[in-house]
């Protein structure tokens, strides 16, 4: 999914598996007719961390240079949340939290925010609601009301579990970091043509979710992810780039719990900065 952050204009989208529209009746699996970028939700993993960090910086509970001590795990009640590599990194900055994708750091920021503020920013960035994209069958994703969160939810959601999103929701949210803090409704239709007449479809009014200063700070931090963090495969020759990787555990249908071996890998990014 490729989206223009300032306008919300969808420039390209594609998904596999596909089907032959001239022989659609031969398909046995009807799920192939869905557009998963809009109609399917998934747990996104660490690509949510820039949103958690943006909320923390906007609310001035952390700065890029703020530090915490990473012991490799955080206990919340009877639950233990560990880093994806199960390593401990000692004293780390918030910039390093994003670069190394430290789960413990995301939980640290979410705890400083508290459930109410964390939930408020997630909703402001569009999670749990339809974006209003002009494509059929949009899924609203899944974000439970804060009163239904459990004690461990503040940790799980900060690292991308217990929350279901669509790729168009995620792209729209991160576009607000790329464009200076404005959430813009994504759209596929630029104009409607009737004969020789072209009728432009006006862009909807955006709304501000973070300040331009916070957005600029996040852009710099996410550049570090690409330069020396988990997203180095997204480096570009001759262009600056920023982004965030994510690896989410899948639910094992047989057990109802997270699988240790099955994952969904994601990347969201923008260029040039």
Protein backbone atom coordinates (compact mmCIF):
# COMPACT_ATOMS: atom_id res chain seq x y z
CA UNK A 1 0.00 0.00 0.00
CA UNK A 2 1.55 3.31 -1.10
CA UNK A 3 -0.06 6.50 0.17
CA UNK A 4 0.75 10.21 -0.24
CA UNK A 5 0.88 11.54 3.34
CA UNK A 6 -0.09 15.16 2.72
CA UNK A 7 -3.21 14.37 0.69
CA UNK A 8 -4.19 10.85 1.75
CA UNK A 9 -4.16 9.86 -1.92
CA UNK A 10 -3.64 6.12 -2.44
CA UNK A 11 -1.08 5.79 -5.21
CA UNK A 12 -0.93 2.00 -5.34
CA UNK A 13 -2.19 -1.08 -3.56
CA UNK A 14 -1.78 -4.77 -4.23
CA UNK A 15 -2.34 -8.07 -2.45
CA UNK A 16 -1.83 -11.76 -3.06
CA UNK A 17 -3.23 -14.29 -3.68
CA UNK A 18 -5.23 -12.85 -6.54
CA UNK A 19 -7.83 -14.31 -8.90
CA UNK A 20 -8.85 -14.20 -12.54
CA UNK A 21 -11.93 -11.94 -12.83
CA UNK A 22 -12.81 -13.74 -16.07
CA UNK A 23 -13.08 -17.04 -14.20
CA UNK A 24 -14.01 -16.03 -10.66
CA UNK A 25 -16.60 -18.80 -10.38
CA UNK A 26 -13.80 -21.37 -10.38
CA UNK A 27 -12.44 -20.11 -7.05
CA UNK A 28 -13.01 -22.42 -4.09
CA UNK A 29 -11.81 -20.07 -1.35
CA UNK A 30 -14.03 -16.99 -1.31
CA UNK A 31 -11.58 -15.12 0.96
CA UNK A 32 -9.51 -14.48 -2.17
CA UNK A 33 -12.13 -11.87 -3.16
CA UNK A 34 -11.38 -9.74 -0.09
CA UNK A 35 -9.02 -6.78 -0.19
CA UNK A 36 -6.96 -7.51 2.94
CA UNK A 37 -5.47 -4.00 2.97
CA UNK A 38 -8.92 -2.65 3.82
CA UNK A 39 -11.14 -5.58 4.78
CA UNK A 40 -8.88 -7.69 7.03
CA UNK A 41 -7.52 -6.87 10.46
CA UNK A 42 -4.45 -8.30 12.16
CA UNK A 43 -2.33 -7.80 15.27
CA UNK A 44 0.42 -5.54 14.03
CA UNK A 45 3.25 -6.00 16.52
CA UNK A 46 5.99 -3.40 16.94
CA UNK A 47 4.92 -1.11 14.09
CA UNK A 48 2.57 0.40 16.71
CA UNK A 49 5.52 1.64 18.80
CA UNK A 50 5.94 4.97 16.95
CA UNK A 51 2.35 5.84 17.93
CA UNK A 52 2.99 5.00 21.59
CA UNK A 53 6.21 7.02 21.48
CA UNK A 54 4.51 9.96 19.74
CA UNK A 55 1.95 10.09 22.54
CA UNK A 56 4.71 10.01 25.17
CA UNK A 57 6.63 12.84 23.52
CA UNK A 58 3.52 14.93 22.88
CA UNK A 59 2.51 14.56 26.54
CA UNK A 60 6.10 15.36 27.62
CA UNK A 61 6.49 12.22 29.70
CA UNK A 62 9.59 11.29 27.65
CA UNK A 63 12.05 12.85 25.20
CA UNK A 64 14.24 11.08 22.63
CA UNK A 65 17.10 11.25 25.16
CA UNK A 66 15.08 9.97 28.16
CA UNK A 67 16.51 6.74 29.55
CA UNK A 68 15.29 3.68 31.40
CA UNK A 69 17.04 0.49 32.49
CA UNK A 70 16.18 -2.47 30.30
CA UNK A 71 16.39 -5.74 32.23
CA UNK A 72 15.01 -7.71 29.31
CA UNK A 73 11.57 -8.17 30.86
CA UNK A 74 8.78 -6.40 32.71
CA UNK A 75 6.34 -8.10 35.07
CA UNK A 76 2.73 -6.93 35.12
CA UNK A 77 0.81 -8.92 37.71
CA UNK A 78 1.22 -12.58 36.78
CA UNK A 79 2.40 -11.74 33.24
CA UNK A 80 5.97 -11.27 32.04
CA UNK A 81 6.66 -9.23 28.89
CA UNK A 82 10.07 -9.82 27.33
CA UNK A 83 12.00 -8.27 24.45
CA UNK A 84 11.61 -10.13 21.17
CA UNK A 85 15.17 -11.47 21.39
CA UNK A 86 14.88 -12.09 25.16
CA UNK A 87 18.01 -9.97 25.73
CA UNK A 88 18.62 -7.20 28.28
CA UNK A 89 20.29 -4.01 27.02
CA UNK A 90 20.82 -2.00 30.22
CA UNK A 91 20.36 1.78 30.12
CA UNK A 92 18.64 2.78 26.85
CA UNK A 93 17.25 5.99 25.37
CA UNK A 94 13.80 6.28 23.82
CA UNK A 95 15.48 6.57 20.41
CA UNK A 96 17.17 3.22 21.05
CA UNK A 97 13.81 1.75 22.09
CA UNK A 98 12.58 2.34 18.54
CA UNK A 99 15.85 1.41 16.85
CA UNK A 100 16.11 -1.91 18.70
CA UNK A 101 12.32 -2.39 18.98
CA UNK A 102 12.46 -2.98 22.73
CA UNK A 103 9.15 -4.20 24.11
CA UNK A 104 10.14 -3.19 27.62
CA UNK A 105 10.70 0.39 26.45
CA UNK A 106 7.28 0.60 24.83
CA UNK A 107 5.70 -0.66 28.06
CA UNK A 108 7.73 1.92 30.01
CA UNK A 109 6.29 4.76 27.92
CA UNK A 110 2.76 3.37 28.08
CA UNK A 111 2.93 3.15 31.86
CA UNK A 112 4.07 6.78 32.09
CA UNK A 113 1.13 7.78 29.88
CA UNK A 114 -1.45 5.71 31.76
CA UNK A 115 -4.37 3.86 30.22
CA UNK A 116 -6.63 6.87 29.58
CA UNK A 117 -4.07 8.96 27.70
CA UNK A 118 -2.73 5.97 25.81
CA UNK A 119 -6.22 5.01 24.67
CA UNK A 120 -7.01 8.62 23.74
CA UNK A 121 -4.03 8.87 21.39
CA UNK A 122 -4.75 5.51 19.79
CA UNK A 123 -8.27 6.68 18.96
CA UNK A 124 -7.04 10.07 17.73
CA UNK A 125 -4.70 8.27 15.33
CA UNK A 126 -7.72 6.38 13.99
CA UNK A 127 -7.40 2.93 15.55
CA UNK A 128 -10.70 1.21 16.31
CA UNK A 129 -12.56 3.32 13.70
CA UNK A 130 -13.00 3.21 9.96
CA UNK A 131 -10.74 5.61 8.10
CA UNK A 132 -13.55 6.44 5.65
CA UNK A 133 -11.48 5.31 2.67
CA UNK A 134 -13.55 5.19 -0.53
CA UNK A 135 -13.12 1.42 -1.00
CA UNK A 136 -15.75 -1.20 -0.14
CA UNK A 137 -15.97 -3.39 2.94
CA UNK A 138 -13.67 -1.44 5.26
CA UNK A 139 -13.00 -3.15 8.60
CA UNK A 140 -12.95 -0.88 11.64
CA UNK A 141 -10.23 -2.90 13.35
CA UNK A 142 -10.35 -3.77 17.04
CA UNK A 143 -9.58 -1.50 19.98
CA UNK A 144 -11.50 -2.28 23.15
CA UNK A 145 -12.80 0.55 25.32
CA UNK A 146 -10.33 1.45 28.04
CA UNK A 147 -12.72 0.29 30.76
CA UNK A 148 -12.44 -3.21 29.28
CA UNK A 149 -8.64 -3.28 29.41
CA UNK A 150 -7.01 -5.75 31.78
CA UNK A 151 -3.95 -4.81 33.88
CA UNK A 152 -1.66 -6.29 31.21
CA UNK A 153 -3.40 -4.46 28.32
CA UNK A 154 -1.33 -1.30 28.74
CA UNK A 155 1.76 -3.41 28.05
CA UNK A 156 0.32 -5.64 25.35
CA UNK A 157 -1.20 -2.82 23.31
CA UNK A 158 1.95 -0.68 23.49
CA UNK A 159 3.81 -3.39 21.55
CA UNK A 160 1.01 -4.26 19.13
CA UNK A 161 -0.94 -7.12 20.75
CA UNK A 162 -4.58 -6.96 21.90
CA UNK A 163 -5.22 -4.50 19.07
CA UNK A 164 -6.41 -5.32 15.55
CA UNK A 165 -5.74 -2.96 12.64
CA UNK A 166 -6.02 -2.84 8.88
CA UNK A 167 -3.01 -1.89 6.76
CA UNK A 168 -4.86 1.23 5.58
CA UNK A 169 -5.38 2.30 9.22
CA UNK A 170 -1.70 1.82 10.01
CA UNK A 171 -0.53 3.65 6.89
CA UNK A 172 -2.89 6.53 7.62
CA UNK A 173 -1.68 6.80 11.23
CA UNK A 174 2.03 6.82 10.35
CA UNK A 175 1.33 9.34 7.58
CA UNK A 176 0.41 11.78 10.35
CA UNK A 177 4.01 11.50 11.58
CA UNK A 178 5.34 11.93 8.03
CA UNK A 179 3.23 14.99 7.17
CA UNK A 180 3.72 17.07 10.31
CA UNK A 181 0.99 15.77 12.63
CA UNK A 182 -2.21 15.76 10.56
CA UNK A 183 -4.45 12.71 10.16
CA UNK A 184 -5.75 12.72 6.59
CA UNK A 185 -8.50 10.40 5.33
CA UNK A 186 -7.07 8.02 2.71
CA UNK A 187 -8.80 8.05 -0.68
CA UNK A 188 -8.52 6.17 -3.93
CA UNK A 189 -10.60 8.42 -6.21
CA UNK A 190 -8.98 11.66 -7.40
CA UNK A 191 -11.63 12.74 -9.89
CA UNK A 192 -14.83 11.59 -11.58
CA UNK A 193 -15.03 11.91 -15.35
CA UNK A 194 -18.27 12.43 -17.26
CA UNK A 195 -17.56 12.60 -20.95
CA UNK A 196 -14.99 15.35 -21.37
CA UNK A 197 -15.70 16.82 -17.94
CA UNK A 198 -13.37 15.97 -15.03
CA UNK A 199 -14.89 16.66 -11.62
CA UNK A 200 -12.22 16.74 -8.88
CA UNK A 201 -13.04 14.98 -5.62
CA UNK A 202 -12.03 17.40 -2.87
CA UNK A 203 -9.69 16.16 -0.18
CA UNK A 204 -11.38 15.91 3.22
CA UNK A 205 -10.25 18.25 5.97
CA UNK A 206 -7.49 16.71 8.10
CA UNK A 207 -7.32 17.01 11.87
CA UNK A 208 -4.27 17.47 14.04
CA UNK A 209 -3.23 14.58 16.29
CA UNK A 210 0.28 15.70 17.33
CA UNK A 211 2.24 18.93 17.04
CA UNK A 212 4.60 19.60 14.13
CA UNK A 213 7.48 19.52 16.63
CA UNK A 214 6.55 16.04 17.89
CA UNK A 215 6.15 14.79 14.32
CA UNK A 216 9.60 16.13 13.40
CA UNK A 217 11.11 14.45 16.46
CA UNK A 218 9.53 11.10 15.52
CA UNK A 219 10.74 11.41 11.93
CA UNK A 220 14.31 11.75 13.18
CA UNK A 221 13.92 8.83 15.59
CA UNK A 222 12.45 6.60 12.88
CA UNK A 223 15.31 7.51 10.56
CA UNK A 224 17.56 5.89 13.14
CA UNK A 225 15.58 2.65 12.77
CA UNK A 226 16.54 2.56 9.09
CA UNK A 227 20.14 3.75 9.54
CA UNK A 228 21.23 1.52 12.41
CA UNK A 229 18.19 -0.27 13.81
CA UNK A 230 15.98 -3.19 12.83
CA UNK A 231 15.00 -1.58 9.49
CA UNK A 232 18.37 -1.31 7.72
CA UNK A 233 17.03 -3.23 4.70
CA UNK A 234 14.97 -0.08 3.95
CA UNK A 235 18.01 2.15 3.42
CA UNK A 236 17.90 3.96 0.08
CA UNK A 237 20.74 5.19 -2.08
CA UNK A 238 20.46 8.95 -2.47
CA UNK A 239 17.34 9.37 -0.31
CA UNK A 240 16.59 9.64 3.38
CA UNK A 241 14.07 7.15 4.76
CA UNK A 242 12.35 6.35 8.04
CA UNK A 243 10.32 3.39 9.21
CA UNK A 244 9.48 0.72 11.74
CA UNK A 245 9.52 -3.06 11.64
CA UNK A 246 7.06 -5.33 13.39
CA UNK A 247 6.87 -9.05 14.14
CA UNK A 248 3.58 -10.17 15.71
CA UNK A 249 2.90 -13.65 17.04
CA UNK A 250 -0.09 -15.39 15.49
CA UNK A 251 -2.79 -17.01 17.60
CA UNK A 252 -2.68 -20.81 17.43
CA UNK A 253 -6.32 -21.88 16.80
CA UNK A 254 -5.67 -25.21 18.54
CA UNK A 255 -4.61 -23.63 21.84
CA UNK A 256 -6.05 -20.11 21.69
CA UNK A 257 -2.69 -18.71 22.76
CA UNK A 258 0.20 -17.09 20.90
CA UNK A 259 2.29 -19.41 18.76
CA UNK A 260 6.06 -19.37 19.42
CA UNK A 261 6.80 -20.17 15.77
CA UNK A 262 4.12 -18.47 13.60
CA UNK A 263 4.45 -14.72 12.96
CA UNK A 264 3.23 -11.83 10.82
CA UNK A 265 6.05 -9.53 9.65
CA UNK A 266 5.28 -5.89 8.83
CA UNK A 267 7.10 -2.78 7.75
CA UNK A 268 5.81 0.78 7.53
CA UNK A 269 7.96 3.65 6.36
CA UNK A 270 8.20 6.89 4.40
CA UNK A 271 10.72 8.62 2.15
CA UNK A 272 12.25 11.08 1.70
CA UNK A 273 12.12 12.53 5.23
